[in-house]
């Protein structure tokens, strides 16, 4: 029951967005645009402004990057033999390579491991966000229905302001540039709204899903990668990384998180298989009710 109490608020927010879309016919892309360009840059600024960096970041960054690239490589190999289009490959990557560390993984780590684990979870969340706003946005833009080439794709990646917010926050922290408590509070007020807004957008997108159009084979592949293969890759990585046992356990647990809600926002923003990505996010979240207790019992 305590485990479910962590999940209920998450599904409640999804439900609010779902009901809002069904009853008010809201345009999710408008809200996702606001989130990408107004809220998340301030969120990344505040996180990096208040974060103290150390050598543990290096090993956690290597872990997060290798984990994502391993899943991407598997998708490319399978996609080559199955004849995936560029758009389908990118949609599969968005559905399988990025984990929901922020509004799912971090609270779960706090519940399971307490305050010592929370420190690691927050650091991994920040690193994951950086990877998502670079590699994730790259594949979202690459898979756009506009069929953008490499140069146009990179222009789209560079236009996303989240990374600039993170860089600016890190610079302000490094050079100890004061911004004042009142201003920091205002920045965090807008930035903190990004997480529930992203979840609302996911709920809205779920309201448009038709179960008659489910791609069962592709969906099963995406769920297997996200909930089974990724934790196994993470387990392999923890065997060679020089980190303590607590961090190893958290790495494996977070690798088994469902697909990140942000990927739905990026898929919607760039029109890269938004229905498939949101469906995979939804079903991976439901399936995690079964897979995460198994991972917890093993670690």
C-alpha atoms as a PDB file:
ATOM      1  CA  UNK A   1       0.000   0.000   0.000  1.00  0.00           C
ATOM      2  CA  UNK A   2       2.881   2.390   0.733  1.00  0.00           C
ATOM      3  CA  UNK A   3       4.308   1.664  -2.713  1.00  0.00           C
ATOM      4  CA  UNK A   4       0.943   2.491  -4.285  1.00  0.00           C
ATOM      5  CA  UNK A   5       0.775   5.740  -2.295  1.00  0.00           C
ATOM      6  CA  UNK A   6       3.850   6.911  -4.231  1.00  0.00           C
ATOM      7  CA  UNK A   7       2.183   6.111  -7.549  1.00  0.00           C
ATOM      8  CA  UNK A   8      -1.307   7.466  -6.920  1.00  0.00           C
ATOM      9  CA  UNK A   9      -0.365  11.182  -7.217  1.00  0.00           C
ATOM     10  CA  UNK A  10       1.366  10.437 -10.530  1.00  0.00           C
ATOM     11  CA  UNK A  11      -1.680   8.734 -12.001  1.00  0.00           C
ATOM     12  CA  UNK A  12      -3.945  11.436 -10.557  1.00  0.00           C
ATOM     13  CA  UNK A  13      -2.113  14.140 -12.557  1.00  0.00           C
ATOM     14  CA  UNK A  14      -2.269  12.008 -15.706  1.00  0.00           C
ATOM     15  CA  UNK A  15      -5.999  11.665 -15.051  1.00  0.00           C
ATOM     16  CA  UNK A  16      -6.544  15.419 -14.692  1.00  0.00           C
ATOM     17  CA  UNK A  17      -4.958  15.996 -18.102  1.00  0.00           C
ATOM     18  CA  UNK A  18      -6.952  13.130 -19.595  1.00  0.00           C
ATOM     19  CA  UNK A  19     -10.270  14.490 -18.301  1.00  0.00           C
ATOM     20  CA  UNK A  20      -9.370  18.040 -19.315  1.00  0.00           C
ATOM     21  CA  UNK A  21      -8.696  16.958 -22.882  1.00  0.00           C
ATOM     22  CA  UNK A  22     -11.923  14.939 -23.075  1.00  0.00           C
ATOM     23  CA  UNK A  23     -14.120  17.719 -21.697  1.00  0.00           C
ATOM     24  CA  UNK A  24     -12.441  20.951 -22.860  1.00  0.00           C
ATOM     25  CA  UNK A  25     -10.754  19.905 -26.127  1.00  0.00           C
ATOM     26  CA  UNK A  26      -7.500  21.658 -25.191  1.00  0.00           C
ATOM     27  CA  UNK A  27      -4.645  21.938 -27.701  1.00  0.00           C
ATOM     28  CA  UNK A  28      -1.774  19.963 -26.074  1.00  0.00           C
ATOM     29  CA  UNK A  29       0.898  21.262 -28.492  1.00  0.00           C
ATOM     30  CA  UNK A  30       0.350  24.859 -27.341  1.00  0.00           C
ATOM     31  CA  UNK A  31       0.922  23.842 -23.739  1.00  0.00           C
ATOM     32  CA  UNK A  32       3.946  21.712 -24.628  1.00  0.00           C
ATOM     33  CA  UNK A  33       5.465  24.692 -26.477  1.00  0.00           C
ATOM     34  CA  UNK A  34       5.002  26.845 -23.382  1.00  0.00           C
ATOM     35  CA  UNK A  35       6.637  24.154 -21.252  1.00  0.00           C
ATOM     36  CA  UNK A  36       9.633  23.698 -23.570  1.00  0.00           C
ATOM     37  CA  UNK A  37      10.379  27.394 -24.091  1.00  0.00           C
ATOM     38  CA  UNK A  38       9.260  29.045 -20.838  1.00  0.00           C
ATOM     39  CA  UNK A  39       9.177  26.611 -17.915  1.00  0.00           C
ATOM     40  CA  UNK A  40      11.928  24.000 -18.380  1.00  0.00           C
ATOM     41  CA  UNK A  41      14.754  26.528 -19.015  1.00  0.00           C
ATOM     42  CA  UNK A  42      14.050  28.112 -15.623  1.00  0.00           C
ATOM     43  CA  UNK A  43      13.826  24.672 -14.005  1.00  0.00           C
ATOM     44  CA  UNK A  44      17.246  23.690 -15.369  1.00  0.00           C
ATOM     45  CA  UNK A  45      18.710  27.050 -14.329  1.00  0.00           C
ATOM     46  CA  UNK A  46      17.548  26.686 -10.719  1.00  0.00           C
ATOM     47  CA  UNK A  47      18.747  23.072 -10.444  1.00  0.00           C
ATOM     48  CA  UNK A  48      22.233  23.835 -11.756  1.00  0.00           C
ATOM     49  CA  UNK A  49      22.480  27.070  -9.810  1.00  0.00           C
ATOM     50  CA  UNK A  50      21.901  25.198  -6.548  1.00  0.00           C
ATOM     51  CA  UNK A  51      23.903  22.033  -7.358  1.00  0.00           C
ATOM     52  CA  UNK A  52      27.422  21.447  -6.046  1.00  0.00           C
ATOM     53  CA  UNK A  53      29.396  19.360  -8.557  1.00  0.00           C
ATOM     54  CA  UNK A  54      31.909  16.637  -7.633  1.00  0.00           C
ATOM     55  CA  UNK A  55      33.680  13.604  -9.179  1.00  0.00           C
ATOM     56  CA  UNK A  56      30.662  11.355  -8.632  1.00  0.00           C
ATOM     57  CA  UNK A  57      29.022  13.261 -11.492  1.00  0.00           C
ATOM     58  CA  UNK A  58      31.556  11.781 -13.902  1.00  0.00           C
ATOM     59  CA  UNK A  59      30.714   8.150 -13.160  1.00  0.00           C
ATOM     60  CA  UNK A  60      26.984   8.819 -13.077  1.00  0.00           C
ATOM     61  CA  UNK A  61      27.207  10.722 -16.374  1.00  0.00           C
ATOM     62  CA  UNK A  62      29.106   7.838 -17.981  1.00  0.00           C
ATOM     63  CA  UNK A  63      26.485   5.387 -16.694  1.00  0.00           C
ATOM     64  CA  UNK A  64      23.546   7.452 -17.958  1.00  0.00           C
ATOM     65  CA  UNK A  65      25.107   8.092 -21.362  1.00  0.00           C
ATOM     66  CA  UNK A  66      26.171   4.480 -21.966  1.00  0.00           C
ATOM     67  CA  UNK A  67      22.748   3.226 -20.865  1.00  0.00           C
ATOM     68  CA  UNK A  68      20.920   5.483 -23.339  1.00  0.00           C
ATOM     69  CA  UNK A  69      23.326   4.765 -26.199  1.00  0.00           C
ATOM     70  CA  UNK A  70      23.094   1.002 -25.576  1.00  0.00           C
ATOM     71  CA  UNK A  71      19.322   1.084 -25.991  1.00  0.00           C
ATOM     72  CA  UNK A  72      19.648   3.331 -29.057  1.00  0.00           C
ATOM     73  CA  UNK A  73      22.113   0.859 -30.605  1.00  0.00           C
ATOM     74  CA  UNK A  74      19.751  -2.074 -30.023  1.00  0.00           C
ATOM     75  CA  UNK A  75      16.920  -0.144 -31.696  1.00  0.00           C
ATOM     76  CA  UNK A  76      19.101   0.676 -34.707  1.00  0.00           C
ATOM     77  CA  UNK A  77      20.104  -2.976 -35.097  1.00  0.00           C
ATOM     78  CA  UNK A  78      16.527  -4.271 -34.816  1.00  0.00           C
ATOM     79  CA  UNK A  79      15.248  -1.420 -36.991  1.00  0.00           C
ATOM     80  CA  UNK A  80      17.763  -2.271 -39.707  1.00  0.00           C
ATOM     81  CA  UNK A  81      16.533  -5.861 -39.974  1.00  0.00           C
ATOM     82  CA  UNK A  82      12.857  -4.904 -39.672  1.00  0.00           C
ATOM     83  CA  UNK A  83      13.062  -2.019 -42.104  1.00  0.00           C
ATOM     84  CA  UNK A  84      12.054   0.786 -39.735  1.00  0.00           C
ATOM     85  CA  UNK A  85      11.671   4.228 -41.254  1.00  0.00           C
ATOM     86  CA  UNK A  86      13.648   7.099 -39.753  1.00  0.00           C
ATOM     87  CA  UNK A  87      10.479   8.402 -38.095  1.00  0.00           C
ATOM     88  CA  UNK A  88       9.624   5.019 -36.585  1.00  0.00           C
ATOM     89  CA  UNK A  89      13.195   4.508 -35.353  1.00  0.00           C
ATOM     90  CA  UNK A  90      13.174   7.915 -33.674  1.00  0.00           C
ATOM     91  CA  UNK A  91       9.763   7.252 -32.128  1.00  0.00           C
ATOM     92  CA  UNK A  92      11.034   3.950 -30.749  1.00  0.00           C
ATOM     93  CA  UNK A  93      14.098   5.678 -29.275  1.00  0.00           C
ATOM     94  CA  UNK A  94      11.912   8.285 -27.565  1.00  0.00           C
ATOM     95  CA  UNK A  95       9.753   5.481 -26.166  1.00  0.00           C
ATOM     96  CA  UNK A  96      12.559   3.276 -24.854  1.00  0.00           C
ATOM     97  CA  UNK A  97      15.817   5.107 -24.184  1.00  0.00           C
ATOM     98  CA  UNK A  98      14.840   7.704 -21.579  1.00  0.00           C
ATOM     99  CA  UNK A  99      13.599   6.981 -18.061  1.00  0.00           C
ATOM    100  CA  UNK A 100      11.084   8.808 -15.883  1.00  0.00           C
ATOM    101  CA  UNK A 101      13.484   9.841 -13.116  1.00  0.00           C
ATOM    102  CA  UNK A 102      11.877  13.135 -12.135  1.00  0.00           C
ATOM    103  CA  UNK A 103       8.257  12.658 -11.153  1.00  0.00           C
ATOM    104  CA  UNK A 104       8.402   8.887 -10.602  1.00  0.00           C
ATOM    105  CA  UNK A 105      11.933   7.666  -9.908  1.00  0.00           C
ATOM    106  CA  UNK A 106      13.029  10.314  -7.422  1.00  0.00           C
ATOM    107  CA  UNK A 107      10.023   9.906  -5.065  1.00  0.00           C
ATOM    108  CA  UNK A 108      10.403   6.125  -5.268  1.00  0.00           C
ATOM    109  CA  UNK A 109      14.109   6.298  -4.387  1.00  0.00           C
ATOM    110  CA  UNK A 110      13.279   8.534  -1.425  1.00  0.00           C
ATOM    111  CA  UNK A 111      10.684   6.024  -0.231  1.00  0.00           C
ATOM    112  CA  UNK A 112      12.993   2.999  -0.632  1.00  0.00           C
ATOM    113  CA  UNK A 113      16.424   4.393   0.318  1.00  0.00           C
ATOM    114  CA  UNK A 114      15.641   7.538   2.317  1.00  0.00           C
ATOM    115  CA  UNK A 115      17.611  10.801   2.290  1.00  0.00           C
ATOM    116  CA  UNK A 116      21.016   9.226   1.378  1.00  0.00           C
ATOM    117  CA  UNK A 117      19.478   7.784  -1.775  1.00  0.00           C
ATOM    118  CA  UNK A 118      17.663  11.003  -2.634  1.00  0.00           C
ATOM    119  CA  UNK A 119      20.967  12.815  -3.184  1.00  0.00           C
ATOM    120  CA  UNK A 120      21.984  10.324  -5.863  1.00  0.00           C
ATOM    121  CA  UNK A 121      18.515  10.343  -7.433  1.00  0.00           C
ATOM    122  CA  UNK A 122      18.546  14.125  -7.855  1.00  0.00           C
ATOM    123  CA  UNK A 123      22.006  14.083  -9.443  1.00  0.00           C
ATOM    124  CA  UNK A 124      20.952  11.343 -11.880  1.00  0.00           C
ATOM    125  CA  UNK A 125      17.777  13.268 -12.658  1.00  0.00           C
ATOM    126  CA  UNK A 126      19.789  16.347 -13.653  1.00  0.00           C
ATOM    127  CA  UNK A 127      22.143  14.286 -15.845  1.00  0.00           C
ATOM    128  CA  UNK A 128      19.186  12.511 -17.445  1.00  0.00           C
ATOM    129  CA  UNK A 129      17.560  15.856 -18.219  1.00  0.00           C
ATOM    130  CA  UNK A 130      20.739  17.056 -19.943  1.00  0.00           C
ATOM    131  CA  UNK A 131      20.846  13.903 -22.063  1.00  0.00           C
ATOM    132  CA  UNK A 132      17.164  14.227 -22.892  1.00  0.00           C
ATOM    133  CA  UNK A 133      17.401  17.851 -24.033  1.00  0.00           C
ATOM    134  CA  UNK A 134      20.334  16.988 -26.306  1.00  0.00           C
ATOM    135  CA  UNK A 135      20.092  13.392 -27.556  1.00  0.00           C
ATOM    136  CA  UNK A 136      16.336  13.199 -26.934  1.00  0.00           C
ATOM    137  CA  UNK A 137      15.541  16.456 -28.712  1.00  0.00           C
ATOM    138  CA  UNK A 138      17.905  15.454 -31.533  1.00  0.00           C
ATOM    139  CA  UNK A 139      15.912  12.290 -32.259  1.00  0.00           C
ATOM    140  CA  UNK A 140      12.595  14.085 -31.792  1.00  0.00           C
ATOM    141  CA  UNK A 141      13.668  16.662 -34.374  1.00  0.00           C
ATOM    142  CA  UNK A 142      15.226  14.054 -36.666  1.00  0.00           C
ATOM    143  CA  UNK A 143      12.001  12.058 -36.722  1.00  0.00           C
ATOM    144  CA  UNK A 144       9.872  15.104 -37.447  1.00  0.00           C
ATOM    145  CA  UNK A 145       7.280  14.666 -40.166  1.00  0.00           C
ATOM    146  CA  UNK A 146       8.974  17.601 -41.870  1.00  0.00           C
ATOM    147  CA  UNK A 147      11.785  15.223 -42.738  1.00  0.00           C
ATOM    148  CA  UNK A 148      14.544  17.590 -41.649  1.00  0.00           C
ATOM    149  CA  UNK A 149      18.137  16.848 -42.620  1.00  0.00           C
ATOM    150  CA  UNK A 150      21.127  16.856 -40.280  1.00  0.00           C
ATOM    151  CA  UNK A 151      21.717  20.620 -40.429  1.00  0.00           C
ATOM    152  CA  UNK A 152      18.062  21.454 -39.849  1.00  0.00           C
ATOM    153  CA  UNK A 153      17.866  18.885 -37.037  1.00  0.00           C
ATOM    154  CA  UNK A 154      20.846  20.412 -35.249  1.00  0.00           C
ATOM    155  CA  UNK A 155      19.330  23.877 -35.627  1.00  0.00           C
ATOM    156  CA  UNK A 156      16.192  22.618 -33.868  1.00  0.00           C
ATOM    157  CA  UNK A 157      18.272  21.091 -31.068  1.00  0.00           C
ATOM    158  CA  UNK A 158      20.189  24.336 -30.586  1.00  0.00           C
ATOM    159  CA  UNK A 159      16.934  26.304 -30.448  1.00  0.00           C
ATOM    160  CA  UNK A 160      15.741  24.399 -27.378  1.00  0.00           C
ATOM    161  CA  UNK A 161      16.549  26.720 -24.450  1.00  0.00           C
ATOM    162  CA  UNK A 162      16.755  24.105 -21.674  1.00  0.00           C
ATOM    163  CA  UNK A 163      20.481  23.474 -22.161  1.00  0.00           C
ATOM    164  CA  UNK A 164      21.157  27.209 -22.103  1.00  0.00           C
ATOM    165  CA  UNK A 165      19.282  27.481 -18.822  1.00  0.00           C
ATOM    166  CA  UNK A 166      21.452  24.700 -17.383  1.00  0.00           C
ATOM    167  CA  UNK A 167      24.663  26.280 -18.683  1.00  0.00           C
ATOM    168  CA  UNK A 168      23.708  29.683 -17.333  1.00  0.00           C
ATOM    169  CA  UNK A 169      22.819  28.192 -13.946  1.00  0.00           C
ATOM    170  CA  UNK A 170      26.153  26.360 -13.785  1.00  0.00           C
ATOM    171  CA  UNK A 171      28.052  29.543 -14.677  1.00  0.00           C
ATOM    172  CA  UNK A 172      26.193  31.568 -12.057  1.00  0.00           C
ATOM    173  CA  UNK A 173      26.996  28.851  -9.501  1.00  0.00           C
ATOM    174  CA  UNK A 174      30.672  28.568 -10.500  1.00  0.00           C
ATOM    175  CA  UNK A 175      31.312  32.314 -10.409  1.00  0.00           C
ATOM    176  CA  UNK A 176      29.086  32.713  -7.320  1.00  0.00           C
ATOM    177  CA  UNK A 177      26.926  35.360  -8.951  1.00  0.00           C
ATOM    178  CA  UNK A 178      24.133  36.270  -6.524  1.00  0.00           C
ATOM    179  CA  UNK A 179      20.608  36.632  -7.873  1.00  0.00           C
ATOM    180  CA  UNK A 180      18.779  37.201  -4.599  1.00  0.00           C
ATOM    181  CA  UNK A 181      16.296  35.002  -2.750  1.00  0.00           C
ATOM    182  CA  UNK A 182      13.257  36.777  -4.185  1.00  0.00           C
ATOM    183  CA  UNK A 183      14.391  36.342  -7.792  1.00  0.00           C
ATOM    184  CA  UNK A 184      15.409  32.714  -7.197  1.00  0.00           C
ATOM    185  CA  UNK A 185      11.987  32.048  -5.693  1.00  0.00           C
ATOM    186  CA  UNK A 186      10.320  33.527  -8.785  1.00  0.00           C
ATOM    187  CA  UNK A 187      12.511  31.439 -11.103  1.00  0.00           C
ATOM    188  CA  UNK A 188      11.769  28.255  -9.173  1.00  0.00           C
ATOM    189  CA  UNK A 189       8.056  29.056  -9.077  1.00  0.00           C
ATOM    190  CA  UNK A 190       7.885  28.983 -12.874  1.00  0.00           C
ATOM    191  CA  UNK A 191      10.417  26.162 -13.282  1.00  0.00           C
ATOM    192  CA  UNK A 192       8.761  23.841 -10.766  1.00  0.00           C
ATOM    193  CA  UNK A 193       5.525  24.124 -12.749  1.00  0.00           C
ATOM    194  CA  UNK A 194       7.204  22.286 -15.646  1.00  0.00           C
ATOM    195  CA  UNK A 195       6.980  18.798 -14.118  1.00  0.00           C
ATOM    196  CA  UNK A 196       3.214  18.696 -13.439  1.00  0.00           C
ATOM    197  CA  UNK A 197       2.565  20.490 -16.740  1.00  0.00           C
ATOM    198  CA  UNK A 198       4.480  17.817 -18.650  1.00  0.00           C
ATOM    199  CA  UNK A 199       2.421  15.168 -16.881  1.00  0.00           C
ATOM    200  CA  UNK A 200      -0.798  16.997 -17.758  1.00  0.00           C
ATOM    201  CA  UNK A 201       0.281  17.087 -21.416  1.00  0.00           C
ATOM    202  CA  UNK A 202       0.854  13.338 -21.275  1.00  0.00           C
ATOM    203  CA  UNK A 203      -2.638  12.842 -19.860  1.00  0.00           C
ATOM    204  CA  UNK A 204      -4.090  15.022 -22.650  1.00  0.00           C
ATOM    205  CA  UNK A 205      -2.245  13.064 -25.307  1.00  0.00           C
ATOM    206  CA  UNK A 206      -3.462   9.778 -23.800  1.00  0.00           C
ATOM    207  CA  UNK A 207      -7.029  11.016 -24.236  1.00  0.00           C
ATOM    208  CA  UNK A 208      -6.520  10.994 -28.011  1.00  0.00           C
ATOM    209  CA  UNK A 209      -5.246   7.408 -28.173  1.00  0.00           C
ATOM    210  CA  UNK A 210      -7.358   4.831 -29.983  1.00  0.00           C
ATOM    211  CA  UNK A 211      -6.809   1.258 -28.811  1.00  0.00           C
ATOM    212  CA  UNK A 212      -7.841   0.071 -32.264  1.00  0.00           C
ATOM    213  CA  UNK A 213      -4.636   1.561 -33.670  1.00  0.00           C
ATOM    214  CA  UNK A 214      -2.231   0.015 -31.167  1.00  0.00           C
ATOM    215  CA  UNK A 215       0.985  -1.325 -32.700  1.00  0.00           C
ATOM    216  CA  UNK A 216       1.187  -4.414 -30.506  1.00  0.00           C
ATOM    217  CA  UNK A 217       4.516  -5.697 -31.843  1.00  0.00           C
ATOM    218  CA  UNK A 218       6.307  -2.355 -31.657  1.00  0.00           C
ATOM    219  CA  UNK A 219       4.752  -1.560 -28.280  1.00  0.00           C
ATOM    220  CA  UNK A 220       5.863  -4.906 -26.826  1.00  0.00           C
ATOM    221  CA  UNK A 221       9.389  -4.316 -28.123  1.00  0.00           C
ATOM    222  CA  UNK A 222       9.499  -0.826 -26.600  1.00  0.00           C
ATOM    223  CA  UNK A 223       8.227  -2.066 -23.213  1.00  0.00           C
ATOM    224  CA  UNK A 224      10.721  -4.947 -23.188  1.00  0.00           C
ATOM    225  CA  UNK A 225      13.594  -2.571 -23.874  1.00  0.00           C
ATOM    226  CA  UNK A 226      12.505  -0.042 -21.278  1.00  0.00           C
ATOM    227  CA  UNK A 227      11.481  -2.306 -18.406  1.00  0.00           C
ATOM    228  CA  UNK A 228      13.682  -5.398 -18.835  1.00  0.00           C
ATOM    229  CA  UNK A 229      16.666  -4.782 -21.108  1.00  0.00           C
ATOM    230  CA  UNK A 230      17.601  -1.350 -19.672  1.00  0.00           C
ATOM    231  CA  UNK A 231      17.835  -2.624 -16.045  1.00  0.00           C
ATOM    232  CA  UNK A 232      19.971  -5.555 -17.252  1.00  0.00           C
ATOM    233  CA  UNK A 233      22.317  -3.155 -19.056  1.00  0.00           C
ATOM    234  CA  UNK A 234      22.451  -1.012 -15.910  1.00  0.00           C
ATOM    235  CA  UNK A 235      23.283  -4.096 -13.828  1.00  0.00           C
ATOM    236  CA  UNK A 236      26.162  -4.870 -16.180  1.00  0.00           C
ATOM    237  CA  UNK A 237      27.450  -1.307 -15.929  1.00  0.00           C
ATOM    238  CA  UNK A 238      27.345  -1.331 -12.125  1.00  0.00           C
ATOM    239  CA  UNK A 239      29.631  -4.378 -12.128  1.00  0.00           C
ATOM    240  CA  UNK A 240      32.471  -2.316 -13.623  1.00  0.00           C
ATOM    241  CA  UNK A 241      31.867   1.199 -12.308  1.00  0.00           C
ATOM    242  CA  UNK A 242      33.772   2.195  -9.114  1.00  0.00           C
ATOM    243  CA  UNK A 243      30.735   3.402  -7.153  1.00  0.00           C
ATOM    244  CA  UNK A 244      29.302   2.364  -3.789  1.00  0.00           C
ATOM    245  CA  UNK A 245      26.618  -0.296  -3.387  1.00  0.00           C
ATOM    246  CA  UNK A 246      23.832   2.175  -2.630  1.00  0.00           C
ATOM    247  CA  UNK A 247      24.443   4.044  -5.880  1.00  0.00           C
ATOM    248  CA  UNK A 248      24.585   0.750  -7.795  1.00  0.00           C
ATOM    249  CA  UNK A 249      21.152  -0.232  -6.476  1.00  0.00           C
ATOM    250  CA  UNK A 250      19.705   3.174  -7.370  1.00  0.00           C
ATOM    251  CA  UNK A 251      21.188   3.001 -10.868  1.00  0.00           C
ATOM    252  CA  UNK A 252      19.515  -0.354 -11.540  1.00  0.00           C
ATOM    253  CA  UNK A 253      16.200   0.765 -10.062  1.00  0.00           C
ATOM    254  CA  UNK A 254      16.094   4.006 -12.054  1.00  0.00           C
ATOM    255  CA  UNK A 255      17.004   2.157 -15.264  1.00  0.00           C
ATOM    256  CA  UNK A 256      13.767   0.206 -14.790  1.00  0.00           C
ATOM    257  CA  UNK A 257      11.613   3.323 -14.635  1.00  0.00           C
ATOM    258  CA  UNK A 258       8.950   3.679 -17.344  1.00  0.00           C
ATOM    259  CA  UNK A 259       9.419   5.974 -20.317  1.00  0.00           C
ATOM    260  CA  UNK A 260       9.967   9.630 -19.419  1.00  0.00           C
ATOM    261  CA  UNK A 261       6.914  11.871 -19.681  1.00  0.00           C
ATOM    262  CA  UNK A 262       9.080  14.540 -21.332  1.00  0.00           C
ATOM    263  CA  UNK A 263       9.464  12.329 -24.401  1.00  0.00           C
ATOM    264  CA  UNK A 264       5.740  12.683 -25.058  1.00  0.00           C
ATOM    265  CA  UNK A 265       6.143  16.448 -24.958  1.00  0.00           C
ATOM    266  CA  UNK A 266       9.035  16.364 -27.457  1.00  0.00           C
ATOM    267  CA  UNK A 267       7.279  13.843 -29.706  1.00  0.00           C
ATOM    268  CA  UNK A 268       4.244  16.108 -29.753  1.00  0.00           C
ATOM    269  CA  UNK A 269       6.325  19.235 -30.291  1.00  0.00           C
ATOM    270  CA  UNK A 270       8.081  17.797 -33.349  1.00  0.00           C
ATOM    271  CA  UNK A 271       5.305  15.442 -34.495  1.00  0.00           C
ATOM    272  CA  UNK A 272       7.521  12.358 -34.158  1.00  0.00           C
ATOM    273  CA  UNK A 273       5.121   9.430 -33.653  1.00  0.00           C
ATOM    274  CA  UNK A 274       3.359  11.277 -30.777  1.00  0.00           C
ATOM    275  CA  UNK A 275       0.581   8.699 -30.424  1.00  0.00           C
ATOM    276  CA  UNK A 276       2.980   5.749 -30.284  1.00  0.00           C
ATOM    277  CA  UNK A 277       5.327   7.529 -27.850  1.00  0.00           C
ATOM    278  CA  UNK A 278       2.496   8.546 -25.516  1.00  0.00           C
ATOM    279  CA  UNK A 279       1.000   5.035 -25.691  1.00  0.00           C
ATOM    280  CA  UNK A 280       4.363   3.491 -24.802  1.00  0.00           C
ATOM    281  CA  UNK A 281       4.771   5.945 -21.932  1.00  0.00           C
ATOM    282  CA  UNK A 282       1.319   5.114 -20.596  1.00  0.00           C
ATOM    283  CA  UNK A 283       1.642   1.332 -20.841  1.00  0.00           C
ATOM    284  CA  UNK A 284       5.214   1.294 -19.512  1.00  0.00           C
ATOM    285  CA  UNK A 285       3.976   3.257 -16.493  1.00  0.00           C
ATOM    286  CA  UNK A 286       1.205   0.702 -15.921  1.00  0.00           C
ATOM    287  CA  UNK A 287       3.543  -2.257 -16.482  1.00  0.00           C
ATOM    288  CA  UNK A 288       6.047  -0.794 -14.000  1.00  0.00           C
ATOM    289  CA  UNK A 289       3.568  -1.656 -11.252  1.00  0.00           C
ATOM    290  CA  UNK A 290       4.621  -5.255 -11.928  1.00  0.00           C
ATOM    291  CA  UNK A 291       8.277  -4.925 -12.955  1.00  0.00           C
ATOM    292  CA  UNK A 292       9.535  -2.451 -10.339  1.00  0.00           C
ATOM    293  CA  UNK A 293       8.619  -4.615  -7.313  1.00  0.00           C
ATOM    294  CA  UNK A 294      10.551  -7.460  -8.994  1.00  0.00           C
ATOM    295  CA  UNK A 295      13.605  -5.230  -9.484  1.00  0.00           C
ATOM    296  CA  UNK A 296      13.372  -4.045  -5.893  1.00  0.00           C
ATOM    297  CA  UNK A 297      13.272  -7.618  -4.607  1.00  0.00           C
ATOM    298  CA  UNK A 298      16.369  -8.517  -6.642  1.00  0.00           C
ATOM    299  CA  UNK A 299      18.533  -5.534  -5.628  1.00  0.00           C
END
